[in-house]
Amino acid sequence: MYKIINTGGTFNKRYDPIRGELVVASDNDAVVAALEPVRSALEISIVGLLYKDSLDMDDADRELLSEEVCGSKEKKIVVVHGTDTIDRSAEAIEAAIGNGGGKTVVLTGAMVPFSIDPIEAVSNLTFAVSSAGFLKPGVYISMHGLALPYRNIVKNRKLGIFERVE
């Protein structure tokens, strides 16, 4: 069984015509829609948590996220997260679960909101779920076709992609 923890981030943003801006939606609709191709084949539960842009997340939010991961009975966990501070949350989760606690935790997100162009978001999320199924216990980031230990992947802000680092 897989658990998806949705924190919001860019993945969850939608255009609000009244405010005239993108806002993080306080629901799991984008995640549910993105997982539609694989939900029938896998047992997946989805939990909404925070619904924030990752730039607005603080240490208390990361502690709440880590508690959700640690308290989960599932061993395969995917966290939908904003891309700007995904590395900080991965580090907090690793500190909370120690050497992995027997859990495989994969953080992912999208550079472009699902509501604007779903291709990247669906690709990243389904690859993260797939990766959680075969990676060893630990904390990973999965973006743009890569699924690596969180220390070995970084956001290249100039190119708008995630890259491997050693």
N, C-alpha and C. Protein backbone atom coordinates (compact mmCIF):
# COMPACT_ATOMS: atom_id res chain seq x y z
N MET A 1 0.84 -1.19 0.00
CA MET A 1 0.00 0.00 0.00
C MET A 1 0.88 1.25 0.00
N TYR A 2 0.47 2.23 -0.75
CA TYR A 2 1.17 3.49 -0.85
C TYR A 2 0.37 4.59 -0.15
N LYS A 3 1.10 5.52 0.42
CA LYS A 3 0.45 6.70 1.00
C LYS A 3 0.99 7.92 0.28
N ILE A 4 0.10 8.77 -0.17
CA ILE A 4 0.46 10.04 -0.78
C ILE A 4 0.11 11.14 0.22
N ILE A 5 1.10 11.96 0.57
CA ILE A 5 0.87 13.10 1.45
C ILE A 5 0.97 14.35 0.59
N ASN A 6 -0.12 15.06 0.47
CA ASN A 6 -0.18 16.26 -0.36
C ASN A 6 0.00 17.50 0.50
N THR A 7 1.11 18.22 0.28
CA THR A 7 1.33 19.47 1.01
C THR A 7 0.95 20.68 0.19
N GLY A 8 0.59 20.47 -1.06
CA GLY A 8 0.20 21.60 -1.92
C GLY A 8 1.30 21.93 -2.90
N GLY A 9 1.92 23.08 -2.71
CA GLY A 9 2.99 23.51 -3.62
C GLY A 9 2.45 23.86 -4.99
N THR A 10 3.36 24.05 -5.93
CA THR A 10 2.99 24.43 -7.29
C THR A 10 2.06 23.41 -7.91
N PHE A 11 2.28 22.13 -7.61
CA PHE A 11 1.45 21.05 -8.14
C PHE A 11 -0.03 21.36 -7.95
N ASN A 12 -0.38 21.91 -6.80
CA ASN A 12 -1.77 22.12 -6.39
C ASN A 12 -2.31 23.52 -6.73
N LYS A 13 -1.54 24.34 -7.40
CA LYS A 13 -2.00 25.71 -7.67
C LYS A 13 -3.03 25.76 -8.79
N ARG A 14 -3.98 26.68 -8.61
CA ARG A 14 -5.01 26.96 -9.62
C ARG A 14 -5.15 28.46 -9.76
N TYR A 15 -5.62 28.85 -10.92
CA TYR A 15 -5.85 30.28 -11.15
C TYR A 15 -7.15 30.70 -10.49
N ASP A 16 -7.08 31.74 -9.68
CA ASP A 16 -8.26 32.32 -9.03
C ASP A 16 -8.62 33.58 -9.80
N PRO A 17 -9.70 33.55 -10.60
CA PRO A 17 -10.05 34.71 -11.43
C PRO A 17 -10.47 35.93 -10.62
N ILE A 18 -10.93 35.74 -9.42
CA ILE A 18 -11.33 36.89 -8.59
C ILE A 18 -10.09 37.62 -8.07
N ARG A 19 -9.11 36.84 -7.59
CA ARG A 19 -7.88 37.45 -7.09
C ARG A 19 -6.89 37.75 -8.22
N GLY A 20 -7.09 37.09 -9.36
CA GLY A 20 -6.21 37.30 -10.50
C GLY A 20 -4.82 36.73 -10.29
N GLU A 21 -4.75 35.58 -9.56
CA GLU A 21 -3.44 34.99 -9.29
C GLU A 21 -3.58 33.49 -9.07
N LEU A 22 -2.42 32.82 -9.11
CA LEU A 22 -2.38 31.40 -8.79
C LEU A 22 -2.38 31.24 -7.28
N VAL A 23 -3.23 30.35 -6.79
CA VAL A 23 -3.29 30.08 -5.36
C VAL A 23 -3.22 28.56 -5.14
N VAL A 24 -2.69 28.17 -3.99
CA VAL A 24 -2.63 26.75 -3.65
C VAL A 24 -4.02 26.31 -3.23
N ALA A 25 -4.57 25.35 -3.96
CA ALA A 25 -5.90 24.83 -3.65
C ALA A 25 -5.85 23.99 -2.38
N SER A 26 -6.89 24.07 -1.59
CA SER A 26 -6.97 23.33 -0.33
C SER A 26 -7.76 22.04 -0.51
N ASP A 27 -7.36 21.27 -1.51
CA ASP A 27 -7.98 19.97 -1.75
C ASP A 27 -6.97 19.06 -2.44
N ASN A 28 -7.38 17.83 -2.67
CA ASN A 28 -6.50 16.84 -3.30
C ASN A 28 -6.89 16.56 -4.75
N ASP A 29 -7.70 17.42 -5.35
CA ASP A 29 -8.23 17.15 -6.69
C ASP A 29 -7.13 16.91 -7.73
N ALA A 30 -6.09 17.73 -7.73
CA ALA A 30 -5.01 17.58 -8.72
C ALA A 30 -4.29 16.25 -8.53
N VAL A 31 -4.04 15.88 -7.30
CA VAL A 31 -3.34 14.62 -7.02
C VAL A 31 -4.20 13.43 -7.44
N VAL A 32 -5.47 13.47 -7.12
CA VAL A 32 -6.39 12.40 -7.51
C VAL A 32 -6.43 12.26 -9.03
N ALA A 33 -6.57 13.38 -9.72
CA ALA A 33 -6.62 13.34 -11.19
C ALA A 33 -5.30 12.84 -11.78
N ALA A 34 -4.17 13.28 -11.23
CA ALA A 34 -2.87 12.85 -11.75
C ALA A 34 -2.64 11.36 -11.55
N LEU A 35 -3.19 10.80 -10.49
CA LEU A 35 -2.99 9.38 -10.19
C LEU A 35 -4.01 8.47 -10.87
N GLU A 36 -4.97 9.04 -11.56
CA GLU A 36 -6.02 8.24 -12.17
C GLU A 36 -5.48 7.06 -13.00
N PRO A 37 -4.42 7.25 -13.79
CA PRO A 37 -3.93 6.11 -14.59
C PRO A 37 -3.40 4.93 -13.78
N VAL A 38 -2.97 5.15 -12.54
CA VAL A 38 -2.37 4.06 -11.76
C VAL A 38 -3.18 3.63 -10.55
N ARG A 39 -4.20 4.38 -10.18
CA ARG A 39 -4.94 4.06 -8.95
C ARG A 39 -5.63 2.72 -9.00
N SER A 40 -6.06 2.29 -10.16
CA SER A 40 -6.74 1.00 -10.24
C SER A 40 -5.78 -0.17 -10.05
N ALA A 41 -4.50 0.04 -10.35
CA ALA A 41 -3.52 -1.03 -10.23
C ALA A 41 -2.84 -1.07 -8.85
N LEU A 42 -2.89 0.02 -8.12
CA LEU A 42 -2.20 0.11 -6.84
C LEU A 42 -3.15 0.52 -5.73
N GLU A 43 -2.85 0.09 -4.53
CA GLU A 43 -3.62 0.51 -3.37
C GLU A 43 -2.97 1.79 -2.85
N ILE A 44 -3.68 2.91 -3.01
CA ILE A 44 -3.13 4.22 -2.66
C ILE A 44 -4.11 4.97 -1.77
N SER A 45 -3.57 5.52 -0.66
CA SER A 45 -4.37 6.43 0.14
C SER A 45 -3.77 7.83 -0.01
N ILE A 46 -4.62 8.83 0.02
CA ILE A 46 -4.18 10.22 -0.15
C ILE A 46 -4.59 11.01 1.08
N VAL A 47 -3.62 11.72 1.64
CA VAL A 47 -3.86 12.56 2.82
C VAL A 47 -3.47 13.98 2.46
N GLY A 48 -4.37 14.92 2.71
CA GLY A 48 -4.05 16.34 2.51
C GLY A 48 -3.44 16.90 3.78
N LEU A 49 -2.37 17.67 3.62
CA LEU A 49 -1.67 18.23 4.77
C LEU A 49 -1.08 19.57 4.36
N LEU A 50 -1.38 20.61 5.10
CA LEU A 50 -0.81 21.94 4.91
C LEU A 50 -1.43 22.76 3.79
N TYR A 51 -1.35 22.30 2.54
CA TYR A 51 -1.81 23.07 1.38
C TYR A 51 -1.14 24.44 1.33
N LYS A 52 0.18 24.42 1.25
CA LYS A 52 0.97 25.65 1.21
C LYS A 52 1.95 25.63 0.06
N ASP A 53 2.32 26.81 -0.39
CA ASP A 53 3.47 26.94 -1.26
C ASP A 53 4.68 26.61 -0.41
N SER A 54 5.65 25.91 -0.96
CA SER A 54 6.79 25.49 -0.13
C SER A 54 7.60 26.68 0.38
N LEU A 55 7.54 27.81 -0.30
CA LEU A 55 8.23 29.00 0.19
C LEU A 55 7.61 29.52 1.49
N ASP A 56 6.36 29.16 1.75
CA ASP A 56 5.67 29.59 2.96
C ASP A 56 5.79 28.57 4.10
N MET A 57 6.41 27.42 3.83
CA MET A 57 6.56 26.40 4.87
C MET A 57 7.65 26.81 5.85
N ASP A 58 7.43 26.47 7.12
CA ASP A 58 8.42 26.78 8.16
C ASP A 58 8.78 25.48 8.89
N ASP A 59 9.61 25.61 9.92
CA ASP A 59 10.06 24.43 10.67
C ASP A 59 8.89 23.68 11.30
N ALA A 60 7.88 24.39 11.76
CA ALA A 60 6.71 23.73 12.36
C ALA A 60 5.97 22.89 11.31
N ASP A 61 5.89 23.40 10.08
CA ASP A 61 5.26 22.64 8.99
C ASP A 61 6.06 21.39 8.67
N ARG A 62 7.38 21.51 8.65
CA ARG A 62 8.23 20.36 8.37
C ARG A 62 8.15 19.33 9.49
N GLU A 63 7.98 19.80 10.71
CA GLU A 63 7.81 18.88 11.84
C GLU A 63 6.49 18.13 11.70
N LEU A 64 5.43 18.84 11.32
CA LEU A 64 4.12 18.20 11.10
C LEU A 64 4.23 17.15 9.98
N LEU A 65 4.89 17.50 8.90
CA LEU A 65 5.08 16.57 7.79
C LEU A 65 5.87 15.35 8.25
N SER A 66 6.95 15.58 8.98
CA SER A 66 7.77 14.47 9.48
C SER A 66 6.97 13.57 10.41
N GLU A 67 6.13 14.15 11.26
CA GLU A 67 5.28 13.36 12.16
C GLU A 67 4.30 12.50 11.35
N GLU A 68 3.76 13.07 10.28
CA GLU A 68 2.83 12.31 9.43
C GLU A 68 3.55 11.12 8.80
N VAL A 69 4.76 11.34 8.33
CA VAL A 69 5.55 10.26 7.73
C VAL A 69 5.88 9.21 8.79
N CYS A 70 6.40 9.63 9.92
CA CYS A 70 6.80 8.69 10.98
C CYS A 70 5.62 7.91 11.53
N GLY A 71 4.47 8.54 11.64
CA GLY A 71 3.29 7.89 12.19
C GLY A 71 2.53 7.02 11.21
N SER A 72 2.94 7.03 9.97
CA SER A 72 2.25 6.27 8.94
C SER A 72 2.57 4.79 9.04
N LYS A 73 1.54 3.95 8.89
CA LYS A 73 1.77 2.51 8.88
C LYS A 73 2.32 2.05 7.53
N GLU A 74 2.09 2.84 6.49
CA GLU A 74 2.60 2.50 5.16
C GLU A 74 4.13 2.66 5.13
N LYS A 75 4.77 1.81 4.35
CA LYS A 75 6.23 1.85 4.20
C LYS A 75 6.65 2.55 2.92
N LYS A 76 5.72 2.76 2.01
CA LYS A 76 5.99 3.46 0.75
C LYS A 76 5.18 4.76 0.75
N ILE A 77 5.90 5.88 0.86
CA ILE A 77 5.24 7.17 1.03
C ILE A 77 5.76 8.14 -0.02
N VAL A 78 4.83 8.81 -0.69
CA VAL A 78 5.17 9.85 -1.66
C VAL A 78 4.62 11.16 -1.12
N VAL A 79 5.48 12.18 -1.09
CA VAL A 79 5.08 13.50 -0.62
C VAL A 79 5.03 14.44 -1.81
N VAL A 80 3.86 15.01 -2.08
CA VAL A 80 3.71 16.03 -3.12
C VAL A 80 4.06 17.35 -2.45
N HIS A 81 5.04 18.04 -3.01
CA HIS A 81 5.66 19.17 -2.33
C HIS A 81 6.03 20.24 -3.36
N GLY A 82 6.13 21.46 -2.92
CA GLY A 82 6.65 22.52 -3.78
C GLY A 82 8.13 22.31 -4.03
N THR A 83 8.62 22.81 -5.16
CA THR A 83 10.00 22.52 -5.56
C THR A 83 11.04 23.43 -4.90
N ASP A 84 10.64 24.58 -4.39
CA ASP A 84 11.62 25.53 -3.87
C ASP A 84 12.30 25.09 -2.58
N THR A 85 11.59 24.39 -1.72
CA THR A 85 12.19 23.96 -0.44
C THR A 85 12.05 22.46 -0.22
N ILE A 86 11.88 21.72 -1.28
CA ILE A 86 11.70 20.27 -1.18
C ILE A 86 12.90 19.61 -0.49
N ASP A 87 14.10 20.16 -0.71
CA ASP A 87 15.29 19.59 -0.09
C ASP A 87 15.29 19.77 1.43
N ARG A 88 14.79 20.90 1.90
CA ARG A 88 14.73 21.13 3.35
C ARG A 88 13.75 20.17 4.03
N SER A 89 12.63 19.92 3.37
CA SER A 89 11.67 18.98 3.93
C SER A 89 12.22 17.55 3.91
N ALA A 90 12.93 17.20 2.85
CA ALA A 90 13.54 15.87 2.78
C ALA A 90 14.54 15.68 3.91
N GLU A 91 15.34 16.70 4.17
CA GLU A 91 16.31 16.63 5.26
C GLU A 91 15.62 16.48 6.61
N ALA A 92 14.53 17.21 6.82
CA ALA A 92 13.77 17.12 8.08
C ALA A 92 13.17 15.73 8.26
N ILE A 93 12.65 15.16 7.18
CA ILE A 93 12.07 13.82 7.25
C ILE A 93 13.14 12.81 7.59
N GLU A 94 14.29 12.91 6.93
CA GLU A 94 15.37 11.97 7.22
C GLU A 94 15.82 12.07 8.68
N ALA A 95 15.93 13.27 9.19
CA ALA A 95 16.32 13.45 10.60
C ALA A 95 15.29 12.81 11.53
N ALA A 96 14.02 12.88 11.15
CA ALA A 96 12.95 12.33 12.00
C ALA A 96 12.91 10.80 11.96
N ILE A 97 13.18 10.20 10.80
CA ILE A 97 13.07 8.74 10.70
C ILE A 97 14.41 8.03 10.82
N GLY A 98 15.47 8.77 11.03
CA GLY A 98 16.78 8.15 11.20
C GLY A 98 17.28 7.49 9.94
N ASN A 99 17.65 6.24 10.03
CA ASN A 99 18.22 5.53 8.88
C ASN A 99 17.17 5.04 7.89
N GLY A 100 16.01 5.63 7.91
CA GLY A 100 14.96 5.25 6.98
C GLY A 100 13.77 4.63 7.68
N GLY A 101 13.97 4.10 8.89
CA GLY A 101 12.87 3.51 9.63
C GLY A 101 12.13 2.45 8.84
N GLY A 102 12.82 1.86 7.84
CA GLY A 102 12.17 0.86 7.01
C GLY A 102 11.21 1.45 6.00
N LYS A 103 11.18 2.79 5.89
CA LYS A 103 10.26 3.46 4.98
C LYS A 103 11.01 4.03 3.78
N THR A 104 10.35 3.97 2.64
CA THR A 104 10.85 4.62 1.44
C THR A 104 9.98 5.84 1.23
N VAL A 105 10.60 7.02 1.34
CA VAL A 105 9.88 8.28 1.23
C VAL A 105 10.42 9.01 0.00
N VAL A 106 9.52 9.30 -0.93
CA VAL A 106 9.90 9.97 -2.18
C VAL A 106 9.13 11.28 -2.26
N LEU A 107 9.86 12.39 -2.31
CA LEU A 107 9.25 13.71 -2.46
C LEU A 107 9.27 14.09 -3.93
N THR A 108 8.19 14.69 -4.39
CA THR A 108 8.09 15.12 -5.79
C THR A 108 7.22 16.36 -5.87
N GLY A 109 7.15 16.93 -7.03
CA GLY A 109 6.34 18.12 -7.26
C GLY A 109 6.28 18.44 -8.73
N ALA A 110 6.07 19.71 -9.03
CA ALA A 110 5.99 20.14 -10.42
C ALA A 110 6.45 21.58 -10.53
N MET A 111 7.12 21.89 -11.61
CA MET A 111 7.55 23.26 -11.87
C MET A 111 6.38 24.09 -12.39
N VAL A 112 5.45 23.41 -13.07
CA VAL A 112 4.26 24.06 -13.64
C VAL A 112 3.04 23.43 -13.00
N PRO A 113 2.06 24.22 -12.54
CA PRO A 113 0.88 23.65 -11.89
C PRO A 113 0.13 22.64 -12.78
N PHE A 114 -0.38 21.60 -12.16
CA PHE A 114 -1.19 20.60 -12.84
C PHE A 114 -2.33 21.26 -13.61
N SER A 115 -2.93 22.29 -13.03
CA SER A 115 -4.09 22.95 -13.65
C SER A 115 -3.73 23.69 -14.94
N ILE A 116 -2.47 24.03 -15.12
CA ILE A 116 -2.04 24.75 -16.32
C ILE A 116 -1.55 23.79 -17.40
N ASP A 117 -0.70 22.85 -17.01
CA ASP A 117 -0.17 21.86 -17.94
C ASP A 117 0.09 20.58 -17.16
N PRO A 118 -0.81 19.60 -17.23
CA PRO A 118 -0.70 18.43 -16.37
C PRO A 118 0.42 17.45 -16.73
N ILE A 119 1.04 17.60 -17.87
CA ILE A 119 2.00 16.57 -18.32
C ILE A 119 3.14 16.38 -17.34
N GLU A 120 3.83 17.45 -16.95
CA GLU A 120 4.97 17.30 -16.04
C GLU A 120 4.52 16.79 -14.68
N ALA A 121 3.43 17.34 -14.16
CA ALA A 121 2.94 16.93 -12.84
C ALA A 121 2.59 15.44 -12.81
N VAL A 122 1.86 14.97 -13.80
CA VAL A 122 1.48 13.56 -13.87
C VAL A 122 2.72 12.68 -14.01
N SER A 123 3.63 13.09 -14.88
CA SER A 123 4.87 12.33 -15.08
C SER A 123 5.66 12.22 -13.79
N ASN A 124 5.85 13.35 -13.11
CA ASN A 124 6.63 13.34 -11.87
C ASN A 124 5.97 12.50 -10.79
N LEU A 125 4.67 12.65 -10.63
CA LEU A 125 3.98 11.92 -9.57
C LEU A 125 3.94 10.42 -9.84
N THR A 126 3.62 10.02 -11.05
CA THR A 126 3.56 8.59 -11.34
C THR A 126 4.95 7.96 -11.27
N PHE A 127 5.99 8.70 -11.69
CA PHE A 127 7.35 8.18 -11.57
C PHE A 127 7.75 8.05 -10.10
N ALA A 128 7.34 9.01 -9.27
CA ALA A 128 7.65 8.95 -7.84
C ALA A 128 6.98 7.74 -7.20
N VAL A 129 5.72 7.50 -7.54
CA VAL A 129 5.00 6.33 -7.00
C VAL A 129 5.68 5.05 -7.45
N SER A 130 6.02 4.97 -8.72
CA SER A 130 6.72 3.80 -9.24
C SER A 130 8.06 3.61 -8.54
N SER A 131 8.81 4.69 -8.37
CA SER A 131 10.12 4.62 -7.71
C SER A 131 10.01 4.14 -6.27
N ALA A 132 8.98 4.59 -5.57
CA ALA A 132 8.78 4.17 -4.18
C ALA A 132 8.62 2.65 -4.09
N GLY A 133 8.17 2.05 -5.16
CA GLY A 133 7.98 0.60 -5.18
C GLY A 133 9.26 -0.20 -5.28
N PHE A 134 10.35 0.39 -5.78
CA PHE A 134 11.58 -0.39 -5.93
C PHE A 134 12.81 0.19 -5.22
N LEU A 135 12.75 1.43 -4.76
CA LEU A 135 13.90 2.00 -4.06
C LEU A 135 14.03 1.39 -2.66
N LYS A 136 15.26 1.33 -2.16
CA LYS A 136 15.50 0.86 -0.80
C LYS A 136 14.99 1.91 0.19
N PRO A 137 14.72 1.53 1.43
CA PRO A 137 14.29 2.52 2.42
C PRO A 137 15.26 3.69 2.49
N GLY A 138 14.69 4.89 2.62
CA GLY A 138 15.47 6.12 2.66
C GLY A 138 14.60 7.27 2.20
N VAL A 139 15.22 8.43 2.03
CA VAL A 139 14.50 9.64 1.61
C VAL A 139 15.06 10.11 0.28
N TYR A 140 14.18 10.27 -0.69
CA TYR A 140 14.55 10.58 -2.07
C TYR A 140 13.77 11.79 -2.58
N ILE A 141 14.29 12.38 -3.64
CA ILE A 141 13.55 13.36 -4.43
C ILE A 141 13.45 12.79 -5.84
N SER A 142 12.26 12.84 -6.39
CA SER A 142 12.01 12.35 -7.75
C SER A 142 11.44 13.49 -8.58
N MET A 143 12.23 13.91 -9.56
CA MET A 143 11.80 14.98 -10.48
C MET A 143 12.46 14.75 -11.83
N HIS A 144 11.74 15.04 -12.89
CA HIS A 144 12.27 15.05 -14.25
C HIS A 144 13.00 13.76 -14.62
N GLY A 145 12.40 12.63 -14.27
CA GLY A 145 12.95 11.34 -14.65
C GLY A 145 14.07 10.83 -13.76
N LEU A 146 14.37 11.55 -12.69
CA LEU A 146 15.38 11.13 -11.73
C LEU A 146 14.71 10.78 -10.41
N ALA A 147 15.21 9.77 -9.75
CA ALA A 147 14.77 9.43 -8.39
C ALA A 147 16.05 9.10 -7.63
N LEU A 148 16.51 10.08 -6.84
CA LEU A 148 17.81 9.98 -6.19
C LEU A 148 17.71 10.32 -4.71
N PRO A 149 18.69 9.83 -3.91
CA PRO A 149 18.73 10.30 -2.53
C PRO A 149 18.72 11.82 -2.53
N TYR A 150 17.99 12.42 -1.61
CA TYR A 150 17.75 13.86 -1.67
C TYR A 150 19.02 14.70 -1.71
N ARG A 151 20.11 14.19 -1.20
CA ARG A 151 21.37 14.95 -1.23
C ARG A 151 22.02 14.95 -2.62
N ASN A 152 21.53 14.08 -3.50
CA ASN A 152 22.14 13.94 -4.82
C ASN A 152 21.32 14.54 -5.95
N ILE A 153 20.38 15.41 -5.61
CA ILE A 153 19.57 16.06 -6.64
C ILE A 153 19.27 17.49 -6.19
N VAL A 154 19.42 18.44 -7.12
CA VAL A 154 19.18 19.85 -6.80
C VAL A 154 18.39 20.52 -7.91
N LYS A 155 17.73 21.58 -7.52
CA LYS A 155 16.98 22.38 -8.48
C LYS A 155 17.94 23.37 -9.13
N ASN A 156 18.04 23.30 -10.46
CA ASN A 156 18.81 24.27 -11.22
C ASN A 156 17.83 25.38 -11.58
N ARG A 157 17.91 26.47 -10.85
CA ARG A 157 16.95 27.56 -11.01
C ARG A 157 17.10 28.29 -12.35
N LYS A 158 18.28 28.28 -12.91
CA LYS A 158 18.49 28.94 -14.22
C LYS A 158 17.82 28.17 -15.34
N LEU A 159 17.91 26.83 -15.28
CA LEU A 159 17.34 25.99 -16.33
C LEU A 159 15.92 25.54 -16.02
N GLY A 160 15.49 25.65 -14.76
CA GLY A 160 14.15 25.21 -14.38
C GLY A 160 13.98 23.70 -14.37
N ILE A 161 15.06 22.99 -14.01
CA ILE A 161 15.01 21.53 -13.95
C ILE A 161 15.76 21.04 -12.70
N PHE A 162 15.55 19.79 -12.37
CA PHE A 162 16.31 19.15 -11.30
C PHE A 162 17.44 18.33 -11.93
N GLU A 163 18.61 18.35 -11.25
CA GLU A 163 19.79 17.68 -11.79
C GLU A 163 20.47 16.86 -10.71
N ARG A 164 21.19 15.84 -11.17
CA ARG A 164 22.00 14.99 -10.30
C ARG A 164 23.23 15.76 -9.85
N VAL A 165 23.61 15.60 -8.58
CA VAL A 165 24.87 16.13 -8.05
C VAL A 165 25.51 15.02 -7.22
N GLU A 166 26.81 15.08 -7.12
CA GLU A 166 27.54 14.07 -6.33
C GLU A 166 28.06 14.70 -5.07
